[in-house]
């Protein structure tokens, strides 16, 4: 899976929005109801590194995989960064992104969930 396909996957999640934040953070954020579930780094030297939230168990599993590391500043909250998404199994990455989206959605109040999932 390349970065374009991964961006499309993130946007295809129910209620997902995309926001580009410029300097100093330089990230492309995917959120649902205001809760971030994934982001890309958009500046050198970490351009197109992809981060998302996982369960504590998956965090331990994934940080042992070559090319995956704890996300900078967010690792303590069980976020991981995939250095090169093209080298990561596409089906597994899609599963992890959808799980991150579901975690973000589940953390919202019922009213916010309904608002985020309501058709525009």
PDB file of N, CA and C in Angstrom:
ATOM      1  N   UNK A   1       0.846  -1.178   0.000  1.00  0.00           N
ATOM      2  CA  UNK A   1       0.000   0.000   0.000  1.00  0.00           C
ATOM      3  C   UNK A   1       0.891   1.240   0.000  1.00  0.00           C
ATOM      4  N   UNK A   2       0.583   2.188  -0.866  1.00  0.00           N
ATOM      5  CA  UNK A   2       1.364   3.423  -0.890  1.00  0.00           C
ATOM      6  C   UNK A   2       0.638   4.513  -0.088  1.00  0.00           C
ATOM      7  N   UNK A   3       1.253   5.679   0.031  1.00  0.00           N
ATOM      8  CA  UNK A   3       0.670   6.739   0.853  1.00  0.00           C
ATOM      9  C   UNK A   3      -0.661   7.233   0.290  1.00  0.00           C
ATOM     10  N   UNK A   4      -0.795   7.294  -1.018  1.00  0.00           N
ATOM     11  CA  UNK A   4      -2.054   7.748  -1.618  1.00  0.00           C
ATOM     12  C   UNK A   4      -3.188   6.791  -1.255  1.00  0.00           C
ATOM     13  N   UNK A   5      -2.942   5.503  -1.370  1.00  0.00           N
ATOM     14  CA  UNK A   5      -3.957   4.508  -1.026  1.00  0.00           C
ATOM     15  C   UNK A   5      -4.303   4.561   0.464  1.00  0.00           C
ATOM     16  N   UNK A   6      -3.291   4.798   1.287  1.00  0.00           N
ATOM     17  CA  UNK A   6      -3.522   4.872   2.727  1.00  0.00           C
ATOM     18  C   UNK A   6      -4.336   6.115   3.085  1.00  0.00           C
ATOM     19  N   UNK A   7      -4.075   7.233   2.414  1.00  0.00           N
ATOM     20  CA  UNK A   7      -4.883   8.441   2.636  1.00  0.00           C
ATOM     21  C   UNK A   7      -6.334   8.180   2.263  1.00  0.00           C
ATOM     22  N   UNK A   8      -6.553   7.496   1.144  1.00  0.00           N
ATOM     23  CA  UNK A   8      -7.915   7.172   0.709  1.00  0.00           C
ATOM     24  C   UNK A   8      -8.596   6.253   1.718  1.00  0.00           C
ATOM     25  N   UNK A   9      -7.853   5.291   2.260  1.00  0.00           N
ATOM     26  CA  UNK A   9      -8.402   4.393   3.269  1.00  0.00           C
ATOM     27  C   UNK A   9      -8.832   5.183   4.502  1.00  0.00           C
ATOM     28  N   UNK A  10      -7.991   6.087   4.961  1.00  0.00           N
ATOM     29  CA  UNK A  10      -8.313   6.886   6.149  1.00  0.00           C
ATOM     30  C   UNK A  10      -9.574   7.712   5.922  1.00  0.00           C
ATOM     31  N   UNK A  11      -9.667   8.329   4.749  1.00  0.00           N
ATOM     32  CA  UNK A  11     -10.840   9.147   4.449  1.00  0.00           C
ATOM     33  C   UNK A  11     -12.100   8.316   4.239  1.00  0.00           C
ATOM     34  N   UNK A  12     -11.947   7.043   3.906  1.00  0.00           N
ATOM     35  CA  UNK A  12     -13.117   6.186   3.685  1.00  0.00           C
ATOM     36  C   UNK A  12     -13.747   5.726   4.993  1.00  0.00           C
ATOM     37  N   UNK A  13     -13.072   5.909   6.110  1.00  0.00           N
ATOM     38  CA  UNK A  13     -13.643   5.538   7.408  1.00  0.00           C
ATOM     39  C   UNK A  13     -14.831   6.453   7.715  1.00  0.00           C
ATOM     40  N   UNK A  14     -15.859   5.900   8.322  1.00  0.00           N
ATOM     41  CA  UNK A  14     -17.087   6.648   8.597  1.00  0.00           C
ATOM     42  C   UNK A  14     -16.821   7.914   9.407  1.00  0.00           C
ATOM     43  N   UNK A  15     -17.263   9.052   8.879  1.00  0.00           N
ATOM     44  CA  UNK A  15     -17.139  10.323   9.581  1.00  0.00           C
ATOM     45  C   UNK A  15     -15.750  10.918   9.612  1.00  0.00           C
ATOM     46  N   UNK A  16     -14.816  10.351   8.857  1.00  0.00           N
ATOM     47  CA  UNK A  16     -13.423  10.813   8.897  1.00  0.00           C
ATOM     48  C   UNK A  16     -13.259  12.173   8.225  1.00  0.00           C
ATOM     49  N   UNK A  17     -12.403  12.987   8.807  1.00  0.00           N
ATOM     50  CA  UNK A  17     -12.025  14.272   8.230  1.00  0.00           C
ATOM     51  C   UNK A  17     -10.513  14.315   8.103  1.00  0.00           C
ATOM     52  N   UNK A  18     -10.038  15.175   7.214  1.00  0.00           N
ATOM     53  CA  UNK A  18      -8.605  15.338   6.967  1.00  0.00           C
ATOM     54  C   UNK A  18      -8.253  16.807   7.190  1.00  0.00           C
ATOM     55  N   UNK A  19      -7.201  17.063   7.964  1.00  0.00           N
ATOM     56  CA  UNK A  19      -6.763  18.426   8.236  1.00  0.00           C
ATOM     57  C   UNK A  19      -5.241  18.492   8.112  1.00  0.00           C
ATOM     58  N   UNK A  20      -4.762  19.460   7.347  1.00  0.00           N
ATOM     59  CA  UNK A  20      -3.321  19.668   7.199  1.00  0.00           C
ATOM     60  C   UNK A  20      -2.885  20.770   8.142  1.00  0.00           C
ATOM     61  N   UNK A  21      -1.981  20.442   9.043  1.00  0.00           N
ATOM     62  CA  UNK A  21      -1.418  21.417   9.976  1.00  0.00           C
ATOM     63  C   UNK A  21      -0.018  21.779   9.496  1.00  0.00           C
ATOM     64  N   UNK A  22       0.234  23.059   9.333  1.00  0.00           N
ATOM     65  CA  UNK A  22       1.542  23.529   8.879  1.00  0.00           C
ATOM     66  C   UNK A  22       2.539  23.592  10.014  1.00  0.00           C
ATOM     67  N   UNK A  23       3.587  24.387   9.787  1.00  0.00           N
ATOM     68  CA  UNK A  23       4.662  24.525  10.768  1.00  0.00           C
ATOM     69  C   UNK A  23       4.091  24.990  12.098  1.00  0.00           C
ATOM     70  N   UNK A  24       4.596  24.572  13.208  1.00  0.00           N
ATOM     71  CA  UNK A  24       5.764  23.733  13.382  1.00  0.00           C
ATOM     72  C   UNK A  24       5.460  22.234  13.375  1.00  0.00           C
ATOM     73  N   UNK A  25       4.178  21.837  13.442  1.00  0.00           N
ATOM     74  CA  UNK A  25       3.892  20.407  13.548  1.00  0.00           C
ATOM     75  C   UNK A  25       4.017  19.664  12.223  1.00  0.00           C
ATOM     76  N   UNK A  26       3.596  20.271  11.107  1.00  0.00           N
ATOM     77  CA  UNK A  26       3.723  19.658   9.780  1.00  0.00           C
ATOM     78  C   UNK A  26       3.163  18.242   9.740  1.00  0.00           C
ATOM     79  N   UNK A  27       1.865  18.126  10.028  1.00  0.00           N
ATOM     80  CA  UNK A  27       1.219  16.822   9.999  1.00  0.00           C
ATOM     81  C   UNK A  27      -0.106  16.903   9.242  1.00  0.00           C
ATOM     82  N   UNK A  28      -0.480  15.782   8.642  1.00  0.00           N
ATOM     83  CA  UNK A  28      -1.762  15.604   7.985  1.00  0.00           C
ATOM     84  C   UNK A  28      -2.567  14.673   8.878  1.00  0.00           C
ATOM     85  N   UNK A  29      -3.607  15.222   9.505  1.00  0.00           N
ATOM     86  CA  UNK A  29      -4.346  14.524  10.550  1.00  0.00           C
ATOM     87  C   UNK A  29      -5.662  13.964  10.023  1.00  0.00           C
ATOM     88  N   UNK A  30      -5.968  12.735  10.429  1.00  0.00           N
ATOM     89  CA  UNK A  30      -7.259  12.113  10.160  1.00  0.00           C
ATOM     90  C   UNK A  30      -7.965  11.942  11.493  1.00  0.00           C
ATOM     91  N   UNK A  31      -9.205  12.456  11.558  1.00  0.00           N
ATOM     92  CA  UNK A  31      -9.947  12.440  12.815  1.00  0.00           C
ATOM     93  C   UNK A  31     -11.401  12.086  12.555  1.00  0.00           C
ATOM     94  N   UNK A  32     -12.067  11.685  13.629  1.00  0.00           N
ATOM     95  CA  UNK A  32     -13.509  11.463  13.601  1.00  0.00           C
ATOM     96  C   UNK A  32     -14.076  12.165  14.830  1.00  0.00           C
ATOM     97  N   UNK A  33     -15.021  13.070  14.608  1.00  0.00           N
ATOM     98  CA  UNK A  33     -15.610  13.814  15.719  1.00  0.00           C
ATOM     99  C   UNK A  33     -14.603  14.603  16.517  1.00  0.00           C
ATOM    100  N   UNK A  34     -13.538  15.040  15.882  1.00  0.00           N
ATOM    101  CA  UNK A  34     -12.498  15.803  16.569  1.00  0.00           C
ATOM    102  C   UNK A  34     -11.430  14.959  17.248  1.00  0.00           C
ATOM    103  N   UNK A  35     -11.579  13.651  17.216  1.00  0.00           N
ATOM    104  CA  UNK A  35     -10.590  12.740  17.822  1.00  0.00           C
ATOM    105  C   UNK A  35      -9.687  12.174  16.736  1.00  0.00           C
ATOM    106  N   UNK A  36      -8.401  12.397  16.875  1.00  0.00           N
ATOM    107  CA  UNK A  36      -7.429  11.914  15.900  1.00  0.00           C
ATOM    108  C   UNK A  36      -7.305  10.398  15.976  1.00  0.00           C
ATOM    109  N   UNK A  37      -7.292   9.768  14.795  1.00  0.00           N
ATOM    110  CA  UNK A  37      -7.060   8.328  14.773  1.00  0.00           C
ATOM    111  C   UNK A  37      -5.834   7.952  13.944  1.00  0.00           C
ATOM    112  N   UNK A  38      -5.297   8.884  13.158  1.00  0.00           N
ATOM    113  CA  UNK A  38      -4.086   8.614  12.370  1.00  0.00           C
ATOM    114  C   UNK A  38      -3.528   9.932  11.858  1.00  0.00           C
ATOM    115  N   UNK A  39      -2.219   9.934  11.564  1.00  0.00           N
ATOM    116  CA  UNK A  39      -1.624  11.117  10.950  1.00  0.00           C
ATOM    117  C   UNK A  39      -0.346  10.768  10.200  1.00  0.00           C
ATOM    118  N   UNK A  40      -0.065  11.596   9.196  1.00  0.00           N
ATOM    119  CA  UNK A  40       1.168  11.523   8.427  1.00  0.00           C
ATOM    120  C   UNK A  40       2.044  12.694   8.816  1.00  0.00           C
ATOM    121  N   UNK A  41       3.331  12.478   8.883  1.00  0.00           N
ATOM    122  CA  UNK A  41       4.289  13.569   9.015  1.00  0.00           C
ATOM    123  C   UNK A  41       4.529  14.105   7.608  1.00  0.00           C
ATOM    124  N   UNK A  42       4.536  15.436   7.420  1.00  0.00           N
ATOM    125  CA  UNK A  42       4.629  15.998   6.063  1.00  0.00           C
ATOM    126  C   UNK A  42       5.897  16.804   5.820  1.00  0.00           C
ATOM    127  N   UNK A  43       6.861  16.719   6.714  1.00  0.00           N
ATOM    128  CA  UNK A  43       8.104  17.462   6.498  1.00  0.00           C
ATOM    129  C   UNK A  43       9.317  16.545   6.643  1.00  0.00           C
ATOM    130  N   UNK A  44      10.402  16.934   6.008  1.00  0.00           N
ATOM    131  CA  UNK A  44      11.647  16.173   6.094  1.00  0.00           C
ATOM    132  C   UNK A  44      12.181  16.283   7.513  1.00  0.00           C
ATOM    133  N   UNK A  45      12.882  15.333   8.024  1.00  0.00           N
ATOM    134  CA  UNK A  45      13.348  14.100   7.413  1.00  0.00           C
ATOM    135  C   UNK A  45      12.369  12.943   7.567  1.00  0.00           C
ATOM    136  N   UNK A  46      11.214  13.186   8.196  1.00  0.00           N
ATOM    137  CA  UNK A  46      10.279  12.097   8.477  1.00  0.00           C
ATOM    138  C   UNK A  46       9.088  12.084   7.529  1.00  0.00           C
ATOM    139  N   UNK A  47       9.230  12.650   6.355  1.00  0.00           N
ATOM    140  CA  UNK A  47       8.098  12.803   5.446  1.00  0.00           C
ATOM    141  C   UNK A  47       7.416  11.473   5.141  1.00  0.00           C
ATOM    142  N   UNK A  48       6.107  11.496   5.225  1.00  0.00           N
ATOM    143  CA  UNK A  48       5.193  10.376   4.964  1.00  0.00           C
ATOM    144  C   UNK A  48       5.315   9.211   5.940  1.00  0.00           C
ATOM    145  N   UNK A  49       5.896   9.452   7.103  1.00  0.00           N
ATOM    146  CA  UNK A  49       5.811   8.441   8.157  1.00  0.00           C
ATOM    147  C   UNK A  49       4.388   8.490   8.701  1.00  0.00           C
ATOM    148  N   UNK A  50       3.839   7.340   8.977  1.00  0.00           N
ATOM    149  CA  UNK A  50       2.429   7.223   9.318  1.00  0.00           C
ATOM    150  C   UNK A  50       2.259   6.723  10.744  1.00  0.00           C
ATOM    151  N   UNK A  51       1.427   7.399  11.528  1.00  0.00           N
ATOM    152  CA  UNK A  51       1.216   7.030  12.931  1.00  0.00           C
ATOM    153  C   UNK A  51      -0.256   6.795  13.213  1.00  0.00           C
ATOM    154  N   UNK A  52      -0.517   5.871  14.130  1.00  0.00           N
ATOM    155  CA  UNK A  52      -1.884   5.548  14.528  1.00  0.00           C
ATOM    156  C   UNK A  52      -1.853   4.910  15.904  1.00  0.00           C
ATOM    157  N   UNK A  53      -3.034   4.877  16.544  1.00  0.00           N
ATOM    158  CA  UNK A  53      -3.141   4.340  17.896  1.00  0.00           C
ATOM    159  C   UNK A  53      -3.508   2.865  17.858  1.00  0.00           C
ATOM    160  N   UNK A  54      -2.935   2.100  18.791  1.00  0.00           N
ATOM    161  CA  UNK A  54      -3.205   0.668  18.901  1.00  0.00           C
ATOM    162  C   UNK A  54      -3.478   0.310  20.359  1.00  0.00           C
ATOM    163  N   UNK A  55      -3.890  -0.913  20.590  1.00  0.00           N
ATOM    164  CA  UNK A  55      -4.092  -1.395  21.953  1.00  0.00           C
ATOM    165  C   UNK A  55      -2.717  -1.603  22.605  1.00  0.00           C
ATOM    166  N   UNK A  56      -2.679  -1.652  23.926  1.00  0.00           N
ATOM    167  CA  UNK A  56      -1.395  -1.903  24.591  1.00  0.00           C
ATOM    168  C   UNK A  56      -0.730  -3.207  24.133  1.00  0.00           C
ATOM    169  N   UNK A  57      -1.531  -4.244  23.891  1.00  0.00           N
ATOM    170  CA  UNK A  57      -0.969  -5.521  23.455  1.00  0.00           C
ATOM    171  C   UNK A  57      -0.349  -5.396  22.054  1.00  0.00           C
ATOM    172  N   UNK A  58      -1.062  -4.738  21.148  1.00  0.00           N
ATOM    173  CA  UNK A  58      -0.540  -4.541  19.794  1.00  0.00           C
ATOM    174  C   UNK A  58       0.677  -3.631  19.807  1.00  0.00           C
ATOM    175  N   UNK A  59       0.712  -2.681  20.744  1.00  0.00           N
ATOM    176  CA  UNK A  59       1.859  -1.780  20.853  1.00  0.00           C
ATOM    177  C   UNK A  59       3.131  -2.579  21.092  1.00  0.00           C
ATOM    178  N   UNK A  60       3.071  -3.511  22.038  1.00  0.00           N
ATOM    179  CA  UNK A  60       4.238  -4.352  22.345  1.00  0.00           C
ATOM    180  C   UNK A  60       4.605  -5.196  21.131  1.00  0.00           C
ATOM    181  N   UNK A  61       3.607  -5.766  20.492  1.00  0.00           N
ATOM    182  CA  UNK A  61       3.837  -6.602  19.305  1.00  0.00           C
ATOM    183  C   UNK A  61       4.459  -5.793  18.170  1.00  0.00           C
ATOM    184  N   UNK A  62       3.882  -4.645  17.860  1.00  0.00           N
ATOM    185  CA  UNK A  62       4.319  -3.873  16.693  1.00  0.00           C
ATOM    186  C   UNK A  62       5.668  -3.186  16.880  1.00  0.00           C
ATOM    187  N   UNK A  63       5.980  -2.762  18.092  1.00  0.00           N
ATOM    188  CA  UNK A  63       7.266  -2.085  18.292  1.00  0.00           C
ATOM    189  C   UNK A  63       8.439  -3.049  18.176  1.00  0.00           C
ATOM    190  N   UNK A  64       8.153  -4.336  18.121  1.00  0.00           N
ATOM    191  CA  UNK A  64       9.187  -5.333  17.872  1.00  0.00           C
ATOM    192  C   UNK A  64       9.382  -5.634  16.392  1.00  0.00           C
ATOM    193  N   UNK A  65       8.553  -5.046  15.536  1.00  0.00           N
ATOM    194  CA  UNK A  65       8.620  -5.284  14.093  1.00  0.00           C
ATOM    195  C   UNK A  65       9.579  -4.265  13.462  1.00  0.00           C
ATOM    196  N   UNK A  66      10.497  -4.716  12.588  1.00  0.00           N
ATOM    197  CA  UNK A  66      11.383  -3.766  11.917  1.00  0.00           C
ATOM    198  C   UNK A  66      10.572  -2.741  11.120  1.00  0.00           C
ATOM    199  N   UNK A  67      10.943  -1.467  11.239  1.00  0.00           N
ATOM    200  CA  UNK A  67      10.254  -0.401  10.518  1.00  0.00           C
ATOM    201  C   UNK A  67       9.075   0.190  11.266  1.00  0.00           C
ATOM    202  N   UNK A  68       8.818  -0.296  12.480  1.00  0.00           N
ATOM    203  CA  UNK A  68       7.748   0.250  13.317  1.00  0.00           C
ATOM    204  C   UNK A  68       8.380   0.657  14.641  1.00  0.00           C
ATOM    205  N   UNK A  69       8.010   1.856  15.108  1.00  0.00           N
ATOM    206  CA  UNK A  69       8.570   2.337  16.369  1.00  0.00           C
ATOM    207  C   UNK A  69       7.506   3.110  17.138  1.00  0.00           C
ATOM    208  N   UNK A  70       7.721   3.328  18.431  1.00  0.00           N
ATOM    209  CA  UNK A  70       6.768   4.154  19.172  1.00  0.00           C
ATOM    210  C   UNK A  70       6.720   5.550  18.551  1.00  0.00           C
ATOM    211  N   UNK A  71       5.518   6.120  18.443  1.00  0.00           N
ATOM    212  CA  UNK A  71       5.379   7.452  17.866  1.00  0.00           C
ATOM    213  C   UNK A  71       6.000   8.488  18.798  1.00  0.00           C
ATOM    214  N   UNK A  72       6.677   9.438  18.206  1.00  0.00           N
ATOM    215  CA  UNK A  72       7.330  10.492  18.973  1.00  0.00           C
ATOM    216  C   UNK A  72       6.275  11.265  19.764  1.00  0.00           C
ATOM    217  N   UNK A  73       6.515  11.450  21.040  1.00  0.00           N
ATOM    218  CA  UNK A  73       5.645  12.141  21.989  1.00  0.00           C
ATOM    219  C   UNK A  73       4.332  11.415  22.267  1.00  0.00           C
ATOM    220  N   UNK A  74       3.919  10.485  21.422  1.00  0.00           N
ATOM    221  CA  UNK A  74       2.628   9.823  21.589  1.00  0.00           C
ATOM    222  C   UNK A  74       2.779   8.348  21.956  1.00  0.00           C
ATOM    223  N   UNK A  75       3.991   7.844  21.999  1.00  0.00           N
ATOM    224  CA  UNK A  75       4.229   6.437  22.312  1.00  0.00           C
ATOM    225  C   UNK A  75       3.659   6.036  23.655  1.00  0.00           C
ATOM    226  N   UNK A  76       3.682   6.936  24.614  1.00  0.00           N
ATOM    227  CA  UNK A  76       3.164   6.598  25.941  1.00  0.00           C
ATOM    228  C   UNK A  76       1.652   6.385  25.929  1.00  0.00           C
ATOM    229  N   UNK A  77       0.997   6.832  24.858  1.00  0.00           N
ATOM    230  CA  UNK A  77      -0.439   6.629  24.698  1.00  0.00           C
ATOM    231  C   UNK A  77      -0.743   5.504  23.696  1.00  0.00           C
ATOM    232  N   UNK A  78       0.271   4.679  23.417  1.00  0.00           N
ATOM    233  CA  UNK A  78       0.163   3.512  22.533  1.00  0.00           C
ATOM    234  C   UNK A  78      -0.064   3.883  21.070  1.00  0.00           C
ATOM    235  N   UNK A  79       0.657   4.896  20.625  1.00  0.00           N
ATOM    236  CA  UNK A  79       0.687   5.253  19.211  1.00  0.00           C
ATOM    237  C   UNK A  79       1.983   4.705  18.630  1.00  0.00           C
ATOM    238  N   UNK A  80       1.909   4.167  17.425  1.00  0.00           N
ATOM    239  CA  UNK A  80       3.093   3.662  16.733  1.00  0.00           C
ATOM    240  C   UNK A  80       3.270   4.406  15.418  1.00  0.00           C
ATOM    241  N   UNK A  81       4.503   4.413  14.925  1.00  0.00           N
ATOM    242  CA  UNK A  81       4.827   5.020  13.636  1.00  0.00           C
ATOM    243  C   UNK A  81       5.387   3.952  12.720  1.00  0.00           C
ATOM    244  N   UNK A  82       4.816   3.884  11.513  1.00  0.00           N
ATOM    245  CA  UNK A  82       5.332   3.014  10.465  1.00  0.00           C
ATOM    246  C   UNK A  82       6.223   3.889   9.589  1.00  0.00           C
ATOM    247  N   UNK A  83       7.510   3.554   9.514  1.00  0.00           N
ATOM    248  CA  UNK A  83       8.478   4.375   8.805  1.00  0.00           C
ATOM    249  C   UNK A  83       8.205   4.393   7.307  1.00  0.00           C
ATOM    250  N   UNK A  84       7.925   3.241   6.708  1.00  0.00           N
ATOM    251  CA  UNK A  84       7.653   3.157   5.271  1.00  0.00           C
ATOM    252  C   UNK A  84       6.444   2.255   5.057  1.00  0.00           C
ATOM    253  N   UNK A  85       5.291   2.864   4.751  1.00  0.00           N
ATOM    254  CA  UNK A  85       4.056   2.086   4.622  1.00  0.00           C
ATOM    255  C   UNK A  85       4.108   1.093   3.472  1.00  0.00           C
ATOM    256  N   UNK A  86       4.942   1.350   2.469  1.00  0.00           N
ATOM    257  CA  UNK A  86       5.041   0.420   1.331  1.00  0.00           C
ATOM    258  C   UNK A  86       5.637  -0.918   1.749  1.00  0.00           C
ATOM    259  N   UNK A  87       6.400  -0.952   2.830  1.00  0.00           N
ATOM    260  CA  UNK A  87       7.046  -2.178   3.303  1.00  0.00           C
ATOM    261  C   UNK A  87       6.195  -2.947   4.312  1.00  0.00           C
ATOM    262  N   UNK A  88       5.049  -2.386   4.690  1.00  0.00           N
ATOM    263  CA  UNK A  88       4.202  -2.998   5.714  1.00  0.00           C
ATOM    264  C   UNK A  88       3.065  -3.747   5.022  1.00  0.00           C
ATOM    265  N   UNK A  89       2.658  -4.926   5.497  1.00  0.00           N
ATOM    266  CA  UNK A  89       1.576  -5.683   4.853  1.00  0.00           C
ATOM    267  C   UNK A  89       0.283  -4.850   4.772  1.00  0.00           C
ATOM    268  N   UNK A  90      -0.238  -4.681   3.565  1.00  0.00           N
ATOM    269  CA  UNK A  90      -1.378  -3.789   3.314  1.00  0.00           C
ATOM    270  C   UNK A  90      -2.630  -4.200   4.088  1.00  0.00           C
ATOM    271  N   UNK A  91      -2.964  -5.475   4.097  1.00  0.00           N
ATOM    272  CA  UNK A  91      -4.177  -5.930   4.785  1.00  0.00           C
ATOM    273  C   UNK A  91      -4.087  -5.682   6.287  1.00  0.00           C
ATOM    274  N   UNK A  92      -2.924  -5.947   6.847  1.00  0.00           N
ATOM    275  CA  UNK A  92      -2.722  -5.757   8.284  1.00  0.00           C
ATOM    276  C   UNK A  92      -2.790  -4.270   8.625  1.00  0.00           C
ATOM    277  N   UNK A  93      -2.184  -3.428   7.794  1.00  0.00           N
ATOM    278  CA  UNK A  93      -2.209  -1.985   8.015  1.00  0.00           C
ATOM    279  C   UNK A  93      -3.650  -1.465   7.949  1.00  0.00           C
ATOM    280  N   UNK A  94      -4.414  -1.929   6.984  1.00  0.00           N
ATOM    281  CA  UNK A  94      -5.817  -1.519   6.867  1.00  0.00           C
ATOM    282  C   UNK A  94      -6.602  -1.911   8.115  1.00  0.00           C
ATOM    283  N   UNK A  95      -6.355  -3.117   8.614  1.00  0.00           N
ATOM    284  CA  UNK A  95      -7.021  -3.582   9.837  1.00  0.00           C
ATOM    285  C   UNK A  95      -6.669  -2.688  11.018  1.00  0.00           C
ATOM    286  N   UNK A  96      -5.396  -2.324  11.148  1.00  0.00           N
ATOM    287  CA  UNK A  96      -4.947  -1.482  12.252  1.00  0.00           C
ATOM    288  C   UNK A  96      -5.529  -0.075  12.172  1.00  0.00           C
ATOM    289  N   UNK A  97      -5.627   0.476  10.968  1.00  0.00           N
ATOM    290  CA  UNK A  97      -6.202   1.817  10.788  1.00  0.00           C
ATOM    291  C   UNK A  97      -7.682   1.797  11.164  1.00  0.00           C
ATOM    292  N   UNK A  98      -8.402   0.791  10.711  1.00  0.00           N
ATOM    293  CA  UNK A  98      -9.826   0.692  11.044  1.00  0.00           C
ATOM    294  C   UNK A  98     -10.029   0.534  12.554  1.00  0.00           C
ATOM    295  N   UNK A  99      -9.162  -0.221  13.197  1.00  0.00           N
ATOM    296  CA  UNK A  99      -9.250  -0.387  14.650  1.00  0.00           C
ATOM    297  C   UNK A  99      -8.968   0.933  15.364  1.00  0.00           C
ATOM    298  N   UNK A 100      -8.005   1.697  14.875  1.00  0.00           N
ATOM    299  CA  UNK A 100      -7.701   3.002  15.457  1.00  0.00           C
ATOM    300  C   UNK A 100      -8.894   3.943  15.296  1.00  0.00           C
ATOM    301  N   UNK A 101      -9.518   3.902  14.125  1.00  0.00           N
ATOM    302  CA  UNK A 101     -10.722   4.709  13.877  1.00  0.00           C
ATOM    303  C   UNK A 101     -11.831   4.321  14.849  1.00  0.00           C
ATOM    304  N   UNK A 102     -12.038   3.027  15.042  1.00  0.00           N
ATOM    305  CA  UNK A 102     -13.087   2.557  15.948  1.00  0.00           C
ATOM    306  C   UNK A 102     -12.815   2.972  17.392  1.00  0.00           C
ATOM    307  N   UNK A 103     -11.554   2.960  17.791  1.00  0.00           N
ATOM    308  CA  UNK A 103     -11.199   3.396  19.153  1.00  0.00           C
ATOM    309  C   UNK A 103     -11.519   4.864  19.338  1.00  0.00           C
ATOM    310  N   UNK A 104     -11.174   5.682  18.336  1.00  0.00           N
ATOM    311  CA  UNK A 104     -11.453   7.118  18.418  1.00  0.00           C
ATOM    312  C   UNK A 104     -12.953   7.363  18.462  1.00  0.00           C
ATOM    313  N   UNK A 105     -13.684   6.673  17.619  1.00  0.00           N
ATOM    314  CA  UNK A 105     -15.138   6.831  17.575  1.00  0.00           C
ATOM    315  C   UNK A 105     -15.774   6.401  18.895  1.00  0.00           C
ATOM    316  N   UNK A 106     -15.332   5.295  19.446  1.00  0.00           N
ATOM    317  CA  UNK A 106     -15.880   4.781  20.702  1.00  0.00           C
ATOM    318  C   UNK A 106     -15.594   5.710  21.883  1.00  0.00           C
ATOM    319  N   UNK A 107     -14.554   6.524  21.790  1.00  0.00           N
ATOM    320  CA  UNK A 107     -14.210   7.421  22.888  1.00  0.00           C
ATOM    321  C   UNK A 107     -15.089   8.673  22.919  1.00  0.00           C
ATOM    322  N   UNK A 108     -15.874   8.890  21.869  1.00  0.00           N
ATOM    323  CA  UNK A 108     -16.776  10.034  21.816  1.00  0.00           C
ATOM    324  C   UNK A 108     -18.073   9.729  22.566  1.00  0.00           C
ATOM    325  N   UNK A 109     -18.741  10.779  23.009  1.00  0.00           N
ATOM    326  CA  UNK A 109     -20.059  10.596  23.617  1.00  0.00           C
ATOM    327  C   UNK A 109     -21.025  10.111  22.538  1.00  0.00           C
ATOM    328  N   UNK A 110     -22.135   9.541  22.939  1.00  0.00           N
ATOM    329  CA  UNK A 110     -23.120   9.040  21.975  1.00  0.00           C
ATOM    330  C   UNK A 110     -23.602  10.156  21.047  1.00  0.00           C
ATOM    331  N   UNK A 111     -23.809  11.341  21.586  1.00  0.00           N
ATOM    332  CA  UNK A 111     -24.266  12.472  20.773  1.00  0.00           C
ATOM    333  C   UNK A 111     -23.212  12.850  19.732  1.00  0.00           C
ATOM    334  N   UNK A 112     -21.961  12.884  20.144  1.00  0.00           N
ATOM    335  CA  UNK A 112     -20.881  13.226  19.208  1.00  0.00           C
ATOM    336  C   UNK A 112     -20.690  12.127  18.168  1.00  0.00           C
ATOM    337  N   UNK A 113     -20.881  10.870  18.573  1.00  0.00           N
ATOM    338  CA  UNK A 113     -20.796   9.762  17.608  1.00  0.00           C
ATOM    339  C   UNK A 113     -21.864   9.930  16.534  1.00  0.00           C
ATOM    340  N   UNK A 114     -23.075  10.222  16.949  1.00  0.00           N
ATOM    341  CA  UNK A 114     -24.165  10.396  15.989  1.00  0.00           C
ATOM    342  C   UNK A 114     -23.894  11.580  15.075  1.00  0.00           C
ATOM    343  N   UNK A 115     -23.385  12.676  15.639  1.00  0.00           N
ATOM    344  CA  UNK A 115     -23.080  13.871  14.831  1.00  0.00           C
ATOM    345  C   UNK A 115     -21.966  13.572  13.833  1.00  0.00           C
ATOM    346  N   UNK A 116     -20.951  12.827  14.253  1.00  0.00           N
ATOM    347  CA  UNK A 116     -19.820  12.519  13.375  1.00  0.00           C
ATOM    348  C   UNK A 116     -20.236  11.590  12.243  1.00  0.00           C
ATOM    349  N   UNK A 117     -21.168  10.700  12.506  1.00  0.00           N
ATOM    350  CA  UNK A 117     -21.579   9.716  11.515  1.00  0.00           C
ATOM    351  C   UNK A 117     -22.766  10.173  10.670  1.00  0.00           C
ATOM    352  N   UNK A 118     -23.359  11.306  11.040  1.00  0.00           N
ATOM    353  CA  UNK A 118     -24.524  11.807  10.294  1.00  0.00           C
ATOM    354  C   UNK A 118     -24.091  12.238   8.887  1.00  0.00           C
ATOM    355  N   UNK A 119     -24.903  11.910   7.879  1.00  0.00           N
ATOM    356  CA  UNK A 119     -24.572  12.346   6.513  1.00  0.00           C
ATOM    357  C   UNK A 119     -24.670  13.867   6.421  1.00  0.00           C
ATOM    358  N   UNK A 120     -23.783  14.439   5.630  1.00  0.00           N
ATOM    359  CA  UNK A 120     -23.772  15.905   5.484  1.00  0.00           C
ATOM    360  C   UNK A 120     -24.898  16.400   4.624  1.00  0.00           C
TER     361      UNK A 120
END
